[in-house]
């Protein structure tokens, strides 16, 4: 698999993850105590961060890391 194909797959997966993240954030906004929604947000951001680290996208990895830390702050 070429680098271009790997990046393309990453982008497709990231769009899917961002769509899932959007749905979970809307649910969390409706019900801030929803642990499942918060866990979903964390898992999605964690997945994006991990993939960025694997592919060598340090700036995006840092952004995802900040989001992951914010999720951890709000976990019960």
N, C-alpha and C. Protein backbone atom coordinates (compact mmCIF):
# COMPACT_ATOMS: atom_id res chain seq x y z
N UNK A 1 0.85 -1.18 0.00
CA UNK A 1 0.00 0.00 0.00
C UNK A 1 0.90 1.24 0.00
N UNK A 2 0.61 2.18 -0.86
CA UNK A 2 1.42 3.39 -0.96
C UNK A 2 1.07 4.36 0.17
N UNK A 3 1.97 5.32 0.38
CA UNK A 3 1.73 6.36 1.39
C UNK A 3 0.45 7.13 1.09
N UNK A 4 0.23 7.41 -0.19
CA UNK A 4 -0.97 8.16 -0.58
C UNK A 4 -2.24 7.38 -0.23
N UNK A 5 -2.20 6.07 -0.43
CA UNK A 5 -3.36 5.24 -0.09
C UNK A 5 -3.58 5.18 1.41
N UNK A 6 -2.52 5.13 2.16
CA UNK A 6 -2.62 5.11 3.62
C UNK A 6 -3.23 6.41 4.12
N UNK A 7 -2.76 7.53 3.59
CA UNK A 7 -3.30 8.83 3.99
C UNK A 7 -4.77 8.94 3.58
N UNK A 8 -5.10 8.44 2.40
CA UNK A 8 -6.50 8.47 1.95
C UNK A 8 -7.38 7.66 2.91
N UNK A 9 -6.92 6.47 3.29
CA UNK A 9 -7.68 5.66 4.25
C UNK A 9 -7.80 6.37 5.59
N UNK A 10 -6.73 7.03 6.02
CA UNK A 10 -6.77 7.79 7.26
C UNK A 10 -7.83 8.89 7.19
N UNK A 11 -7.88 9.58 6.06
CA UNK A 11 -8.86 10.66 5.91
C UNK A 11 -10.29 10.12 5.93
N UNK A 12 -10.52 9.01 5.24
CA UNK A 12 -11.86 8.41 5.24
C UNK A 12 -12.25 8.02 6.66
N UNK A 13 -11.35 7.34 7.36
CA UNK A 13 -11.62 6.93 8.73
C UNK A 13 -11.82 8.14 9.64
N UNK A 14 -11.04 9.18 9.43
CA UNK A 14 -11.15 10.38 10.26
C UNK A 14 -12.50 11.08 10.05
N UNK A 15 -12.96 11.14 8.81
CA UNK A 15 -14.29 11.73 8.57
C UNK A 15 -15.37 10.94 9.29
N UNK A 16 -15.25 9.61 9.26
CA UNK A 16 -16.21 8.77 9.98
C UNK A 16 -16.12 9.02 11.48
N UNK A 17 -14.90 9.11 11.99
CA UNK A 17 -14.72 9.38 13.42
C UNK A 17 -15.25 10.75 13.81
N UNK A 18 -15.03 11.75 12.97
CA UNK A 18 -15.52 13.09 13.27
C UNK A 18 -17.04 13.14 13.25
N UNK A 19 -17.66 12.37 12.37
CA UNK A 19 -19.12 12.28 12.35
C UNK A 19 -19.62 11.66 13.65
N UNK A 20 -18.97 10.58 14.09
CA UNK A 20 -19.32 9.92 15.36
C UNK A 20 -19.10 10.89 16.52
N UNK A 21 -17.99 11.61 16.50
CA UNK A 21 -17.68 12.58 17.54
C UNK A 21 -18.75 13.65 17.62
N UNK A 22 -19.19 14.12 16.47
CA UNK A 22 -20.24 15.14 16.42
C UNK A 22 -21.52 14.63 17.08
N UNK A 23 -21.91 13.41 16.76
CA UNK A 23 -23.13 12.84 17.36
C UNK A 23 -22.99 12.68 18.87
N UNK A 24 -21.84 12.21 19.31
CA UNK A 24 -21.62 12.04 20.75
C UNK A 24 -21.59 13.38 21.48
N UNK A 25 -21.00 14.39 20.85
CA UNK A 25 -20.97 15.72 21.48
C UNK A 25 -22.37 16.31 21.59
N UNK A 26 -23.20 16.11 20.57
CA UNK A 26 -24.59 16.59 20.64
C UNK A 26 -25.32 15.88 21.77
N UNK A 27 -25.12 14.58 21.89
CA UNK A 27 -25.76 13.81 22.96
C UNK A 27 -25.26 14.28 24.33
N UNK A 28 -23.98 14.55 24.44
CA UNK A 28 -23.40 15.02 25.68
C UNK A 28 -23.92 16.41 26.04
N UNK A 29 -24.15 17.23 25.03
CA UNK A 29 -24.71 18.56 25.27
C UNK A 29 -26.14 18.44 25.81
N UNK A 30 -26.89 17.50 25.29
CA UNK A 30 -28.27 17.28 25.76
C UNK A 30 -28.28 16.72 27.18
N UNK A 31 -27.32 15.83 27.45
CA UNK A 31 -27.28 15.17 28.74
C UNK A 31 -25.83 15.11 29.22
N UNK A 32 -25.37 16.16 29.92
CA UNK A 32 -23.96 16.23 30.33
C UNK A 32 -23.51 15.08 31.25
N UNK A 33 -24.45 14.37 31.84
CA UNK A 33 -24.09 13.26 32.73
C UNK A 33 -24.00 11.92 32.01
N UNK A 34 -24.18 11.92 30.70
CA UNK A 34 -24.19 10.69 29.92
C UNK A 34 -22.77 10.14 29.80
N UNK A 35 -22.46 9.15 30.61
CA UNK A 35 -21.12 8.57 30.64
C UNK A 35 -20.78 7.86 29.33
N UNK A 36 -21.78 7.27 28.70
CA UNK A 36 -21.53 6.58 27.43
C UNK A 36 -21.12 7.55 26.34
N UNK A 37 -21.77 8.70 26.30
CA UNK A 37 -21.42 9.71 25.30
C UNK A 37 -20.01 10.24 25.55
N UNK A 38 -19.68 10.49 26.81
CA UNK A 38 -18.34 10.98 27.15
C UNK A 38 -17.29 9.92 26.80
N UNK A 39 -17.59 8.67 27.10
CA UNK A 39 -16.67 7.59 26.75
C UNK A 39 -16.50 7.50 25.24
N UNK A 40 -17.58 7.71 24.49
CA UNK A 40 -17.51 7.69 23.04
C UNK A 40 -16.63 8.81 22.51
N UNK A 41 -16.77 9.99 23.08
CA UNK A 41 -15.93 11.13 22.69
C UNK A 41 -14.46 10.78 22.94
N UNK A 42 -14.19 10.26 24.13
CA UNK A 42 -12.81 9.90 24.48
C UNK A 42 -12.25 8.86 23.52
N UNK A 43 -13.02 7.79 23.27
CA UNK A 43 -12.54 6.71 22.38
C UNK A 43 -12.24 7.23 20.98
N UNK A 44 -13.12 8.09 20.47
CA UNK A 44 -12.92 8.61 19.13
C UNK A 44 -11.67 9.47 19.05
N UNK A 45 -11.50 10.36 20.02
CA UNK A 45 -10.31 11.22 20.03
C UNK A 45 -9.06 10.38 20.23
N UNK A 46 -9.14 9.38 21.09
CA UNK A 46 -8.00 8.50 21.34
C UNK A 46 -7.60 7.75 20.06
N UNK A 47 -8.58 7.31 19.32
CA UNK A 47 -8.32 6.62 18.05
C UNK A 47 -7.62 7.54 17.06
N UNK A 48 -8.13 8.76 16.94
CA UNK A 48 -7.52 9.73 16.02
C UNK A 48 -6.08 10.02 16.46
N UNK A 49 -5.88 10.22 17.76
CA UNK A 49 -4.54 10.50 18.27
C UNK A 49 -3.58 9.36 17.98
N UNK A 50 -4.02 8.15 18.23
CA UNK A 50 -3.17 6.99 17.99
C UNK A 50 -2.79 6.83 16.54
N UNK A 51 -3.75 7.04 15.67
CA UNK A 51 -3.47 6.92 14.24
C UNK A 51 -2.51 8.01 13.78
N UNK A 52 -2.69 9.21 14.31
CA UNK A 52 -1.78 10.30 13.97
C UNK A 52 -0.36 9.99 14.41
N UNK A 53 -0.22 9.42 15.60
CA UNK A 53 1.10 9.04 16.08
C UNK A 53 1.73 7.99 15.20
N UNK A 54 0.94 7.01 14.79
CA UNK A 54 1.43 5.94 13.94
C UNK A 54 1.87 6.46 12.57
N UNK A 55 1.10 7.41 12.04
CA UNK A 55 1.39 7.92 10.70
C UNK A 55 2.38 9.08 10.70
N UNK A 56 2.74 9.58 11.88
CA UNK A 56 3.71 10.66 11.95
C UNK A 56 3.13 12.03 11.65
N UNK A 57 1.94 12.29 12.20
CA UNK A 57 1.31 13.61 12.08
C UNK A 57 1.33 14.27 13.46
N UNK A 58 2.49 14.79 13.89
CA UNK A 58 2.65 15.26 15.27
C UNK A 58 1.75 16.44 15.65
N UNK A 59 1.49 17.34 14.74
CA UNK A 59 0.64 18.50 15.09
C UNK A 59 -0.79 18.05 15.37
N UNK A 60 -1.33 17.23 14.51
CA UNK A 60 -2.68 16.73 14.72
C UNK A 60 -2.73 15.82 15.95
N UNK A 61 -1.67 15.08 16.18
CA UNK A 61 -1.60 14.23 17.37
C UNK A 61 -1.67 15.09 18.64
N UNK A 62 -0.97 16.22 18.64
CA UNK A 62 -1.00 17.12 19.81
C UNK A 62 -2.40 17.69 20.04
N UNK A 63 -3.07 18.06 18.96
CA UNK A 63 -4.44 18.58 19.08
C UNK A 63 -5.36 17.52 19.68
N UNK A 64 -5.25 16.31 19.17
CA UNK A 64 -6.07 15.21 19.68
C UNK A 64 -5.73 14.92 21.14
N UNK A 65 -4.47 15.02 21.49
CA UNK A 65 -4.04 14.78 22.87
C UNK A 65 -4.69 15.77 23.83
N UNK A 66 -4.77 17.02 23.43
CA UNK A 66 -5.43 18.04 24.26
C UNK A 66 -6.90 17.68 24.45
N UNK A 67 -7.56 17.28 23.37
CA UNK A 67 -8.96 16.87 23.47
C UNK A 67 -9.14 15.67 24.38
N UNK A 68 -8.22 14.73 24.28
CA UNK A 68 -8.26 13.54 25.13
C UNK A 68 -8.11 13.93 26.60
N UNK A 69 -7.19 14.85 26.88
CA UNK A 69 -6.99 15.31 28.26
C UNK A 69 -8.24 16.01 28.80
N UNK A 70 -8.90 16.78 27.96
CA UNK A 70 -10.13 17.45 28.40
C UNK A 70 -11.21 16.44 28.74
N UNK A 71 -11.31 15.38 27.97
CA UNK A 71 -12.27 14.31 28.28
C UNK A 71 -11.95 13.69 29.64
N UNK A 72 -10.68 13.46 29.88
CA UNK A 72 -10.28 12.86 31.15
C UNK A 72 -10.61 13.74 32.33
N UNK A 73 -10.51 15.05 32.16
CA UNK A 73 -10.84 15.98 33.23
C UNK A 73 -12.32 15.88 33.62
N UNK A 74 -13.15 15.56 32.64
CA UNK A 74 -14.60 15.55 32.86
C UNK A 74 -15.17 14.17 33.16
N UNK A 75 -14.31 13.18 33.24
CA UNK A 75 -14.80 11.84 33.57
C UNK A 75 -15.14 11.78 35.05
N UNK A 76 -16.27 11.14 35.36
CA UNK A 76 -16.65 11.03 36.77
C UNK A 76 -15.74 10.09 37.54
